[in-house]
């Protein structure tokens, strides 16, 4: 495992070649199946199924088990505590998993600005 949890936006930025994410492109992508579903949906919606299938197979994922009751409860509490930011459950779960694993939450989502354990790259 590396030192980053990749949220869906970070994975998409890497795939699309954003130079700000170049230093992450060769790392194993630590994330969840929920994030993979979001990435797949993005490519399906913006390109086609062939492209979505290609990227999901090509990316070197290190998938984290999300079947932890404590994480789900904490994600609900975190989301509730940040209602004004309209965070998704997928992001809340990923953020809390990153904290549990003591790895940085890598995102481009400005709603995480100022939160601990976040590496925010626009």
C-alpha atoms as a PDB file:
ATOM      1  CA  UNK A   1       0.000   0.000   0.000  1.00  0.00           C
ATOM      2  CA  UNK A   2       1.208   3.513  -0.723  1.00  0.00           C
ATOM      3  CA  UNK A   3       0.743   6.701   1.277  1.00  0.00           C
ATOM      4  CA  UNK A   4      -2.415   7.892  -0.490  1.00  0.00           C
ATOM      5  CA  UNK A   5      -6.065   7.001  -0.718  1.00  0.00           C
ATOM      6  CA  UNK A   6      -7.235   8.046  -4.186  1.00  0.00           C
ATOM      7  CA  UNK A   7     -10.733   9.448  -4.385  1.00  0.00           C
ATOM      8  CA  UNK A   8     -12.608   9.153  -7.683  1.00  0.00           C
ATOM      9  CA  UNK A   9     -11.671  12.641  -8.856  1.00  0.00           C
ATOM     10  CA  UNK A  10      -7.956  11.959  -8.316  1.00  0.00           C
ATOM     11  CA  UNK A  11      -8.154   8.726 -10.318  1.00  0.00           C
ATOM     12  CA  UNK A  12      -9.898  10.516 -13.181  1.00  0.00           C
ATOM     13  CA  UNK A  13      -7.321  13.329 -13.142  1.00  0.00           C
ATOM     14  CA  UNK A  14      -4.503  10.775 -13.393  1.00  0.00           C
ATOM     15  CA  UNK A  15      -6.153   8.916 -16.269  1.00  0.00           C
ATOM     16  CA  UNK A  16      -6.892  12.149 -18.120  1.00  0.00           C
ATOM     17  CA  UNK A  17      -3.255  13.231 -17.783  1.00  0.00           C
ATOM     18  CA  UNK A  18      -3.546  16.261 -15.516  1.00  0.00           C
ATOM     19  CA  UNK A  19       0.121  17.297 -15.048  1.00  0.00           C
ATOM     20  CA  UNK A  20      -0.575  18.219 -11.408  1.00  0.00           C
ATOM     21  CA  UNK A  21      -1.147  14.491 -10.793  1.00  0.00           C
ATOM     22  CA  UNK A  22       1.853  13.214 -12.794  1.00  0.00           C
ATOM     23  CA  UNK A  23       3.794  12.175  -9.672  1.00  0.00           C
ATOM     24  CA  UNK A  24       0.996   9.745  -8.748  1.00  0.00           C
ATOM     25  CA  UNK A  25       0.516   8.036 -12.117  1.00  0.00           C
ATOM     26  CA  UNK A  26       2.832   5.091 -11.439  1.00  0.00           C
ATOM     27  CA  UNK A  27       1.563   4.372  -7.933  1.00  0.00           C
ATOM     28  CA  UNK A  28      -0.807   1.556  -7.108  1.00  0.00           C
ATOM     29  CA  UNK A  29      -4.249   3.146  -6.707  1.00  0.00           C
ATOM     30  CA  UNK A  30      -5.470   2.538  -3.148  1.00  0.00           C
ATOM     31  CA  UNK A  31      -9.239   3.062  -3.173  1.00  0.00           C
ATOM     32  CA  UNK A  32     -12.569   1.243  -2.748  1.00  0.00           C
ATOM     33  CA  UNK A  33     -14.917  -0.547  -5.114  1.00  0.00           C
ATOM     34  CA  UNK A  34     -17.313   2.378  -4.618  1.00  0.00           C
ATOM     35  CA  UNK A  35     -14.720   4.717  -6.122  1.00  0.00           C
ATOM     36  CA  UNK A  36     -14.128   2.279  -8.986  1.00  0.00           C
ATOM     37  CA  UNK A  37     -17.871   2.386  -9.687  1.00  0.00           C
ATOM     38  CA  UNK A  38     -17.776   6.203  -9.793  1.00  0.00           C
ATOM     39  CA  UNK A  39     -14.785   6.167 -12.151  1.00  0.00           C
ATOM     40  CA  UNK A  40     -16.456   3.578 -14.362  1.00  0.00           C
ATOM     41  CA  UNK A  41     -19.637   5.684 -14.477  1.00  0.00           C
ATOM     42  CA  UNK A  42     -17.634   8.805 -15.397  1.00  0.00           C
ATOM     43  CA  UNK A  43     -16.018   7.097 -18.388  1.00  0.00           C
ATOM     44  CA  UNK A  44     -19.266   5.417 -19.395  1.00  0.00           C
ATOM     45  CA  UNK A  45     -21.102   8.754 -19.316  1.00  0.00           C
ATOM     46  CA  UNK A  46     -18.385  10.846 -20.971  1.00  0.00           C
ATOM     47  CA  UNK A  47     -17.025   8.313 -23.446  1.00  0.00           C
ATOM     48  CA  UNK A  48     -18.477   4.804 -23.823  1.00  0.00           C
ATOM     49  CA  UNK A  49     -18.505   1.318 -22.300  1.00  0.00           C
ATOM     50  CA  UNK A  50     -15.385   0.245 -24.186  1.00  0.00           C
ATOM     51  CA  UNK A  51     -13.417   3.136 -22.669  1.00  0.00           C
ATOM     52  CA  UNK A  52     -14.837   2.499 -19.199  1.00  0.00           C
ATOM     53  CA  UNK A  53     -13.974  -1.219 -19.420  1.00  0.00           C
ATOM     54  CA  UNK A  54     -10.475  -0.404 -20.662  1.00  0.00           C
ATOM     55  CA  UNK A  55      -9.607   1.915 -17.774  1.00  0.00           C
ATOM     56  CA  UNK A  56     -11.070  -0.242 -15.036  1.00  0.00           C
ATOM     57  CA  UNK A  57      -8.966  -3.154 -16.293  1.00  0.00           C
ATOM     58  CA  UNK A  58      -5.819  -1.079 -16.911  1.00  0.00           C
ATOM     59  CA  UNK A  59      -5.604   0.761 -13.595  1.00  0.00           C
ATOM     60  CA  UNK A  60      -3.552  -0.996 -10.928  1.00  0.00           C
ATOM     61  CA  UNK A  61      -6.017  -0.945  -8.000  1.00  0.00           C
ATOM     62  CA  UNK A  62      -5.327  -1.842  -4.382  1.00  0.00           C
ATOM     63  CA  UNK A  63      -8.903  -2.206  -3.135  1.00  0.00           C
ATOM     64  CA  UNK A  64      -9.708  -1.623   0.529  1.00  0.00           C
ATOM     65  CA  UNK A  65     -12.432  -3.562   2.312  1.00  0.00           C
ATOM     66  CA  UNK A  66     -15.226  -1.155   3.249  1.00  0.00           C
ATOM     67  CA  UNK A  67     -17.354  -3.682   5.117  1.00  0.00           C
ATOM     68  CA  UNK A  68     -16.639  -2.169   8.500  1.00  0.00           C
ATOM     69  CA  UNK A  69     -19.578  -1.055  10.604  1.00  0.00           C
ATOM     70  CA  UNK A  70     -17.544   1.547  12.477  1.00  0.00           C
ATOM     71  CA  UNK A  71     -16.490   3.221   9.208  1.00  0.00           C
ATOM     72  CA  UNK A  72     -20.084   3.336   7.937  1.00  0.00           C
ATOM     73  CA  UNK A  73     -21.314   4.891  11.182  1.00  0.00           C
ATOM     74  CA  UNK A  74     -18.456   7.389  11.288  1.00  0.00           C
ATOM     75  CA  UNK A  75     -19.067   8.246   7.598  1.00  0.00           C
ATOM     76  CA  UNK A  76     -22.716   9.016   8.366  1.00  0.00           C
ATOM     77  CA  UNK A  77     -21.678  11.195  11.320  1.00  0.00           C
ATOM     78  CA  UNK A  78     -19.013  12.948   9.234  1.00  0.00           C
ATOM     79  CA  UNK A  79     -21.471  13.589   6.406  1.00  0.00           C
ATOM     80  CA  UNK A  80     -24.056  14.893   8.881  1.00  0.00           C
ATOM     81  CA  UNK A  81     -21.456  17.155  10.505  1.00  0.00           C
ATOM     82  CA  UNK A  82     -20.591  18.586   7.086  1.00  0.00           C
ATOM     83  CA  UNK A  83     -24.083  18.921   5.581  1.00  0.00           C
ATOM     84  CA  UNK A  84     -23.280  22.362   4.190  1.00  0.00           C
ATOM     85  CA  UNK A  85     -20.592  20.774   1.979  1.00  0.00           C
ATOM     86  CA  UNK A  86     -22.998  18.210   0.457  1.00  0.00           C
ATOM     87  CA  UNK A  87     -20.379  15.443   0.605  1.00  0.00           C
ATOM     88  CA  UNK A  88     -21.168  12.072  -0.932  1.00  0.00           C
ATOM     89  CA  UNK A  89     -21.111   8.886   1.126  1.00  0.00           C
ATOM     90  CA  UNK A  90     -18.377   7.565  -1.177  1.00  0.00           C
ATOM     91  CA  UNK A  91     -16.158  10.541  -0.304  1.00  0.00           C
ATOM     92  CA  UNK A  92     -16.962  10.332   3.414  1.00  0.00           C
ATOM     93  CA  UNK A  93     -16.170   6.611   3.494  1.00  0.00           C
ATOM     94  CA  UNK A  94     -12.913   7.102   1.580  1.00  0.00           C
ATOM     95  CA  UNK A  95     -11.864   9.993   3.782  1.00  0.00           C
ATOM     96  CA  UNK A  96     -12.452   8.026   6.988  1.00  0.00           C
ATOM     97  CA  UNK A  97     -10.717   4.935   5.605  1.00  0.00           C
ATOM     98  CA  UNK A  98      -7.693   7.067   4.738  1.00  0.00           C
ATOM     99  CA  UNK A  99      -7.565   8.341   8.306  1.00  0.00           C
ATOM    100  CA  UNK A 100      -7.906   4.812   9.713  1.00  0.00           C
ATOM    101  CA  UNK A 101      -5.064   3.624   7.463  1.00  0.00           C
ATOM    102  CA  UNK A 102      -2.972   6.721   8.237  1.00  0.00           C
ATOM    103  CA  UNK A 103      -2.591   7.627   4.566  1.00  0.00           C
ATOM    104  CA  UNK A 104      -3.395  10.951   2.849  1.00  0.00           C
ATOM    105  CA  UNK A 105      -6.785  11.433   1.183  1.00  0.00           C
ATOM    106  CA  UNK A 106      -5.905  12.591  -2.336  1.00  0.00           C
ATOM    107  CA  UNK A 107      -8.626  14.654  -3.993  1.00  0.00           C
ATOM    108  CA  UNK A 108      -9.380  17.668  -6.141  1.00  0.00           C
ATOM    109  CA  UNK A 109     -12.635  18.282  -4.263  1.00  0.00           C
ATOM    110  CA  UNK A 110     -12.345  21.750  -2.690  1.00  0.00           C
ATOM    111  CA  UNK A 111     -14.916  20.742  -0.054  1.00  0.00           C
ATOM    112  CA  UNK A 112     -12.039  18.969   1.709  1.00  0.00           C
ATOM    113  CA  UNK A 113      -9.931  22.134   1.941  1.00  0.00           C
ATOM    114  CA  UNK A 114      -8.717  22.623   5.491  1.00  0.00           C
ATOM    115  CA  UNK A 115      -9.628  19.125   6.636  1.00  0.00           C
ATOM    116  CA  UNK A 116      -6.873  17.097   8.271  1.00  0.00           C
ATOM    117  CA  UNK A 117      -5.115  14.304   6.398  1.00  0.00           C
ATOM    118  CA  UNK A 118      -5.972  15.691   2.940  1.00  0.00           C
ATOM    119  CA  UNK A 119      -3.766  16.404  -0.047  1.00  0.00           C
ATOM    120  CA  UNK A 120      -5.801  18.729  -2.212  1.00  0.00           C
ATOM    121  CA  UNK A 121      -4.679  19.228  -5.798  1.00  0.00           C
ATOM    122  CA  UNK A 122      -6.855  21.208  -8.202  1.00  0.00           C
END
